[in-house]
């Protein structure tokens, strides 16, 4: 449960941080958007260190699936675009892949 919460928080922090840059460069928002954006990206990096994994690469790979699903939720909730069936199917496949990486049996 803790890993899911950490991944969820990391996804929100990463997407929000990246969106701040998007807003500045693509939507004409003030450069002041970069300050909370950078803080959010720093929080994202810190949160991923809280994942209980022997290898950073494995923790990041599993996080990728969670990020994709969170980005689809962001698309819907923040940008107001309803995901289509392909978005949902792709997100489900990515989340299943993340679960295989994270919870697969390991010998070492």
N, C-alpha and C. Protein backbone atom coordinates (compact mmCIF):
# COMPACT_ATOMS: atom_id res chain seq x y z
N UNK A 1 0.82 -1.19 0.00
CA UNK A 1 0.00 0.00 0.00
C UNK A 1 0.87 1.26 0.00
N UNK A 2 1.95 1.24 0.77
CA UNK A 2 2.84 2.40 0.83
C UNK A 2 3.43 2.70 -0.54
N UNK A 3 3.85 1.64 -1.26
CA UNK A 3 4.44 1.84 -2.58
C UNK A 3 3.44 2.50 -3.52
N UNK A 4 2.19 2.08 -3.47
CA UNK A 4 1.16 2.68 -4.32
C UNK A 4 0.98 4.16 -4.00
N UNK A 5 0.99 4.50 -2.73
CA UNK A 5 0.86 5.90 -2.33
C UNK A 5 2.06 6.73 -2.78
N UNK A 6 3.25 6.16 -2.62
CA UNK A 6 4.46 6.88 -3.05
C UNK A 6 4.44 7.09 -4.56
N UNK A 7 4.11 6.03 -5.31
CA UNK A 7 4.04 6.16 -6.77
C UNK A 7 2.96 7.17 -7.18
N UNK A 8 1.82 7.15 -6.51
CA UNK A 8 0.77 8.12 -6.83
C UNK A 8 1.22 9.55 -6.56
N UNK A 9 1.85 9.76 -5.42
CA UNK A 9 2.36 11.09 -5.10
C UNK A 9 3.45 11.54 -6.06
N UNK A 10 4.33 10.61 -6.42
CA UNK A 10 5.40 10.94 -7.37
C UNK A 10 4.81 11.31 -8.74
N UNK A 11 3.79 10.59 -9.15
CA UNK A 11 3.18 10.87 -10.45
C UNK A 11 2.55 12.26 -10.47
N UNK A 12 1.82 12.60 -9.42
CA UNK A 12 1.21 13.93 -9.34
C UNK A 12 2.29 15.00 -9.34
N UNK A 13 3.35 14.78 -8.56
CA UNK A 13 4.43 15.77 -8.49
C UNK A 13 5.13 15.93 -9.84
N UNK A 14 5.39 14.82 -10.51
CA UNK A 14 6.08 14.92 -11.81
C UNK A 14 5.20 15.59 -12.85
N UNK A 15 3.95 15.17 -12.94
CA UNK A 15 3.07 15.76 -13.95
C UNK A 15 2.84 17.23 -13.67
N UNK A 16 2.62 17.59 -12.42
CA UNK A 16 2.42 19.00 -12.09
C UNK A 16 3.66 19.83 -12.40
N UNK A 17 4.83 19.30 -12.09
CA UNK A 17 6.07 20.01 -12.39
C UNK A 17 6.28 20.19 -13.88
N UNK A 18 6.05 19.15 -14.62
CA UNK A 18 6.20 19.24 -16.08
C UNK A 18 5.14 20.15 -16.68
N UNK A 19 3.93 20.10 -16.13
CA UNK A 19 2.87 20.96 -16.64
C UNK A 19 3.20 22.43 -16.41
N UNK A 20 3.90 22.75 -15.33
CA UNK A 20 4.29 24.14 -15.09
C UNK A 20 5.19 24.64 -16.23
N UNK A 21 6.11 23.79 -16.67
CA UNK A 21 6.96 24.17 -17.81
C UNK A 21 6.14 24.27 -19.09
N UNK A 22 5.20 23.34 -19.28
CA UNK A 22 4.32 23.36 -20.44
C UNK A 22 3.52 24.67 -20.45
N UNK A 23 2.97 25.03 -19.30
CA UNK A 23 2.17 26.25 -19.21
C UNK A 23 3.00 27.48 -19.55
N UNK A 24 4.23 27.50 -19.08
CA UNK A 24 5.11 28.64 -19.35
C UNK A 24 5.47 28.72 -20.83
N UNK A 25 5.91 27.59 -21.41
CA UNK A 25 6.40 27.62 -22.78
C UNK A 25 5.30 27.53 -23.84
N UNK A 26 4.24 26.81 -23.55
CA UNK A 26 3.23 26.56 -24.58
C UNK A 26 1.94 27.36 -24.39
N UNK A 27 1.65 27.74 -23.15
CA UNK A 27 0.39 28.43 -22.88
C UNK A 27 0.58 29.90 -22.53
N UNK A 28 1.84 30.35 -22.50
CA UNK A 28 2.11 31.76 -22.24
C UNK A 28 1.98 32.17 -20.78
N UNK A 29 2.04 31.21 -19.87
CA UNK A 29 1.97 31.54 -18.44
C UNK A 29 3.25 32.26 -18.02
N UNK A 30 3.17 32.93 -16.90
CA UNK A 30 4.31 33.66 -16.35
C UNK A 30 5.46 32.71 -16.03
N UNK A 31 6.67 33.22 -16.11
CA UNK A 31 7.86 32.43 -15.74
C UNK A 31 7.83 32.05 -14.25
N UNK A 32 7.01 32.73 -13.47
CA UNK A 32 6.88 32.38 -12.05
C UNK A 32 6.31 30.97 -11.87
N UNK A 33 5.67 30.43 -12.87
CA UNK A 33 5.18 29.06 -12.82
C UNK A 33 6.34 28.08 -12.66
N UNK A 34 7.54 28.49 -13.06
CA UNK A 34 8.68 27.59 -12.99
C UNK A 34 9.10 27.28 -11.54
N UNK A 35 8.90 28.21 -10.63
CA UNK A 35 9.30 27.97 -9.23
C UNK A 35 8.54 26.81 -8.60
N UNK A 36 7.22 26.82 -8.60
CA UNK A 36 6.54 25.64 -8.05
C UNK A 36 6.77 24.40 -8.91
N UNK A 37 6.98 24.62 -10.21
CA UNK A 37 7.26 23.48 -11.08
C UNK A 37 8.56 22.77 -10.69
N UNK A 38 9.59 23.54 -10.41
CA UNK A 38 10.87 22.94 -10.01
C UNK A 38 10.76 22.29 -8.64
N UNK A 39 10.03 22.90 -7.73
CA UNK A 39 9.83 22.30 -6.40
C UNK A 39 9.07 20.98 -6.54
N UNK A 40 8.10 20.96 -7.41
CA UNK A 40 7.32 19.75 -7.63
C UNK A 40 8.18 18.64 -8.22
N UNK A 41 9.05 18.99 -9.15
CA UNK A 41 9.95 17.98 -9.73
C UNK A 41 10.96 17.47 -8.70
N UNK A 42 11.41 18.34 -7.81
CA UNK A 42 12.30 17.89 -6.73
C UNK A 42 11.57 16.93 -5.81
N UNK A 43 10.31 17.23 -5.50
CA UNK A 43 9.51 16.33 -4.67
C UNK A 43 9.32 14.98 -5.35
N UNK A 44 9.12 15.00 -6.65
CA UNK A 44 9.01 13.76 -7.42
C UNK A 44 10.26 12.90 -7.24
N UNK A 45 11.42 13.49 -7.41
CA UNK A 45 12.67 12.74 -7.26
C UNK A 45 12.83 12.19 -5.85
N UNK A 46 12.50 12.97 -4.87
CA UNK A 46 12.60 12.53 -3.47
C UNK A 46 11.63 11.38 -3.20
N UNK A 47 10.40 11.51 -3.68
CA UNK A 47 9.41 10.47 -3.42
C UNK A 47 9.84 9.11 -3.97
N UNK A 48 10.45 9.09 -5.13
CA UNK A 48 10.87 7.81 -5.69
C UNK A 48 11.94 7.13 -4.85
N UNK A 49 12.68 7.90 -4.07
CA UNK A 49 13.68 7.27 -3.20
C UNK A 49 13.03 6.52 -2.05
N UNK A 50 11.75 6.74 -1.80
CA UNK A 50 11.05 6.08 -0.71
C UNK A 50 10.53 4.68 -1.08
N UNK A 51 10.62 4.33 -2.36
CA UNK A 51 10.14 3.01 -2.80
C UNK A 51 11.11 1.94 -2.30
N UNK A 52 10.55 0.90 -1.72
CA UNK A 52 11.35 -0.20 -1.19
C UNK A 52 11.75 -1.13 -2.34
N UNK A 53 12.93 -0.87 -2.89
CA UNK A 53 13.44 -1.66 -4.01
C UNK A 53 14.96 -1.70 -3.90
N UNK A 54 15.53 -2.85 -4.24
CA UNK A 54 16.98 -2.99 -4.18
C UNK A 54 17.66 -2.28 -5.35
N UNK A 55 16.90 -1.98 -6.41
CA UNK A 55 17.49 -1.37 -7.60
C UNK A 55 16.64 -0.18 -8.04
N UNK A 56 17.28 0.95 -8.22
CA UNK A 56 16.57 2.15 -8.65
C UNK A 56 15.91 1.95 -10.00
N UNK A 57 16.60 1.30 -10.92
CA UNK A 57 16.04 1.08 -12.25
C UNK A 57 14.73 0.32 -12.23
N UNK A 58 14.64 -0.68 -11.36
CA UNK A 58 13.40 -1.45 -11.24
C UNK A 58 12.28 -0.58 -10.65
N UNK A 59 12.60 0.21 -9.66
CA UNK A 59 11.60 1.10 -9.07
C UNK A 59 11.11 2.11 -10.11
N UNK A 60 12.02 2.64 -10.92
CA UNK A 60 11.65 3.62 -11.95
C UNK A 60 10.84 2.96 -13.06
N UNK A 61 11.21 1.75 -13.44
CA UNK A 61 10.49 1.05 -14.51
C UNK A 61 9.05 0.77 -14.10
N UNK A 62 8.86 0.29 -12.87
CA UNK A 62 7.51 0.03 -12.39
C UNK A 62 6.72 1.34 -12.27
N UNK A 63 7.38 2.40 -11.86
CA UNK A 63 6.73 3.70 -11.76
C UNK A 63 6.20 4.17 -13.11
N UNK A 64 6.88 3.81 -14.18
CA UNK A 64 6.47 4.25 -15.51
C UNK A 64 5.02 3.94 -15.82
N UNK A 65 4.56 2.75 -15.45
CA UNK A 65 3.17 2.39 -15.69
C UNK A 65 2.22 3.24 -14.89
N UNK A 66 2.58 3.52 -13.65
CA UNK A 66 1.74 4.37 -12.79
C UNK A 66 1.70 5.78 -13.37
N UNK A 67 2.83 6.28 -13.85
CA UNK A 67 2.89 7.61 -14.45
C UNK A 67 1.95 7.72 -15.65
N UNK A 68 1.94 6.70 -16.49
CA UNK A 68 1.10 6.74 -17.68
C UNK A 68 -0.37 6.83 -17.30
N UNK A 69 -0.79 6.03 -16.34
CA UNK A 69 -2.19 6.08 -15.89
C UNK A 69 -2.49 7.45 -15.26
N UNK A 70 -1.57 7.97 -14.48
CA UNK A 70 -1.77 9.29 -13.86
C UNK A 70 -1.86 10.38 -14.93
N UNK A 71 -1.09 10.26 -15.99
CA UNK A 71 -1.15 11.25 -17.07
C UNK A 71 -2.51 11.21 -17.77
N UNK A 72 -3.08 10.02 -17.90
CA UNK A 72 -4.41 9.91 -18.51
C UNK A 72 -5.46 10.54 -17.59
N UNK A 73 -5.32 10.32 -16.29
CA UNK A 73 -6.23 10.95 -15.33
C UNK A 73 -6.07 12.47 -15.40
N UNK A 74 -4.83 12.96 -15.48
CA UNK A 74 -4.56 14.40 -15.61
C UNK A 74 -5.25 14.94 -16.86
N UNK A 75 -5.12 14.24 -17.97
CA UNK A 75 -5.75 14.63 -19.23
C UNK A 75 -7.24 14.89 -19.02
N UNK A 76 -7.87 14.00 -18.27
CA UNK A 76 -9.31 14.09 -18.04
C UNK A 76 -9.67 15.16 -17.00
N UNK A 77 -9.01 15.09 -15.83
CA UNK A 77 -9.42 15.95 -14.72
C UNK A 77 -8.92 17.40 -14.84
N UNK A 78 -7.73 17.59 -15.35
CA UNK A 78 -7.15 18.94 -15.41
C UNK A 78 -7.36 19.59 -16.77
N UNK A 79 -7.14 18.81 -17.84
CA UNK A 79 -7.25 19.38 -19.17
C UNK A 79 -8.64 19.26 -19.77
N UNK A 80 -9.50 18.49 -19.12
CA UNK A 80 -10.89 18.40 -19.56
C UNK A 80 -11.13 17.56 -20.79
N UNK A 81 -10.19 16.70 -21.15
CA UNK A 81 -10.36 15.82 -22.31
C UNK A 81 -10.62 14.40 -21.81
N UNK A 82 -11.76 13.87 -22.15
CA UNK A 82 -12.13 12.54 -21.69
C UNK A 82 -11.31 11.48 -22.42
N UNK A 83 -10.67 10.57 -21.67
CA UNK A 83 -9.88 9.51 -22.32
C UNK A 83 -10.78 8.60 -23.16
N UNK A 84 -10.26 8.14 -24.29
CA UNK A 84 -11.03 7.21 -25.09
C UNK A 84 -10.65 5.78 -24.71
N UNK A 85 -11.25 4.81 -25.36
CA UNK A 85 -11.00 3.41 -25.00
C UNK A 85 -9.55 3.01 -25.22
N UNK A 86 -8.88 3.64 -26.16
CA UNK A 86 -7.47 3.31 -26.43
C UNK A 86 -6.57 3.85 -25.33
N UNK A 87 -6.90 5.03 -24.83
CA UNK A 87 -6.17 5.56 -23.67
C UNK A 87 -6.32 4.61 -22.48
N UNK A 88 -7.56 4.18 -22.24
CA UNK A 88 -7.83 3.30 -21.10
C UNK A 88 -7.17 1.93 -21.26
N UNK A 89 -7.25 1.37 -22.45
CA UNK A 89 -6.62 0.08 -22.70
C UNK A 89 -5.09 0.19 -22.55
N UNK A 90 -4.51 1.22 -23.13
CA UNK A 90 -3.07 1.41 -23.02
C UNK A 90 -2.63 1.60 -21.58
N UNK A 91 -3.40 2.37 -20.81
CA UNK A 91 -3.09 2.57 -19.40
C UNK A 91 -3.17 1.27 -18.62
N UNK A 92 -4.18 0.45 -18.92
CA UNK A 92 -4.32 -0.84 -18.22
C UNK A 92 -3.15 -1.76 -18.54
N UNK A 93 -2.72 -1.79 -19.79
CA UNK A 93 -1.58 -2.62 -20.18
C UNK A 93 -0.31 -2.15 -19.46
N UNK A 94 -0.11 -0.84 -19.39
CA UNK A 94 1.08 -0.30 -18.71
C UNK A 94 1.05 -0.59 -17.22
N UNK A 95 -0.12 -0.46 -16.62
CA UNK A 95 -0.24 -0.75 -15.19
C UNK A 95 0.00 -2.23 -14.90
N UNK A 96 -0.48 -3.09 -15.78
CA UNK A 96 -0.21 -4.52 -15.62
C UNK A 96 1.29 -4.80 -15.74
N UNK A 97 1.96 -4.14 -16.67
CA UNK A 97 3.40 -4.29 -16.80
C UNK A 97 4.14 -3.82 -15.57
N UNK A 98 3.69 -2.71 -15.00
CA UNK A 98 4.31 -2.20 -13.76
C UNK A 98 4.15 -3.22 -12.64
N UNK A 99 2.98 -3.85 -12.55
CA UNK A 99 2.75 -4.85 -11.50
C UNK A 99 3.66 -6.06 -11.68
N UNK A 100 3.87 -6.47 -12.92
CA UNK A 100 4.78 -7.60 -13.18
C UNK A 100 6.18 -7.25 -12.72
N UNK A 101 6.64 -6.07 -13.06
CA UNK A 101 7.98 -5.64 -12.66
C UNK A 101 8.10 -5.54 -11.15
N UNK A 102 7.12 -4.94 -10.52
CA UNK A 102 7.20 -4.67 -9.09
C UNK A 102 6.98 -5.90 -8.22
N UNK A 103 6.05 -6.76 -8.61
CA UNK A 103 5.67 -7.87 -7.75
C UNK A 103 6.12 -9.24 -8.24
N UNK A 104 6.85 -9.28 -9.36
CA UNK A 104 7.34 -10.56 -9.87
C UNK A 104 8.30 -11.21 -8.88
N UNK A 105 8.28 -12.55 -8.84
CA UNK A 105 9.18 -13.26 -7.89
C UNK A 105 10.65 -13.01 -8.27
N UNK A 106 11.45 -12.77 -7.29
CA UNK A 106 12.89 -12.53 -7.48
C UNK A 106 13.69 -13.57 -6.71
N UNK A 107 14.76 -14.02 -7.30
CA UNK A 107 15.65 -14.96 -6.60
C UNK A 107 16.76 -14.22 -5.89
N UNK A 108 17.03 -13.00 -6.34
CA UNK A 108 18.10 -12.23 -5.69
C UNK A 108 17.72 -10.79 -5.56
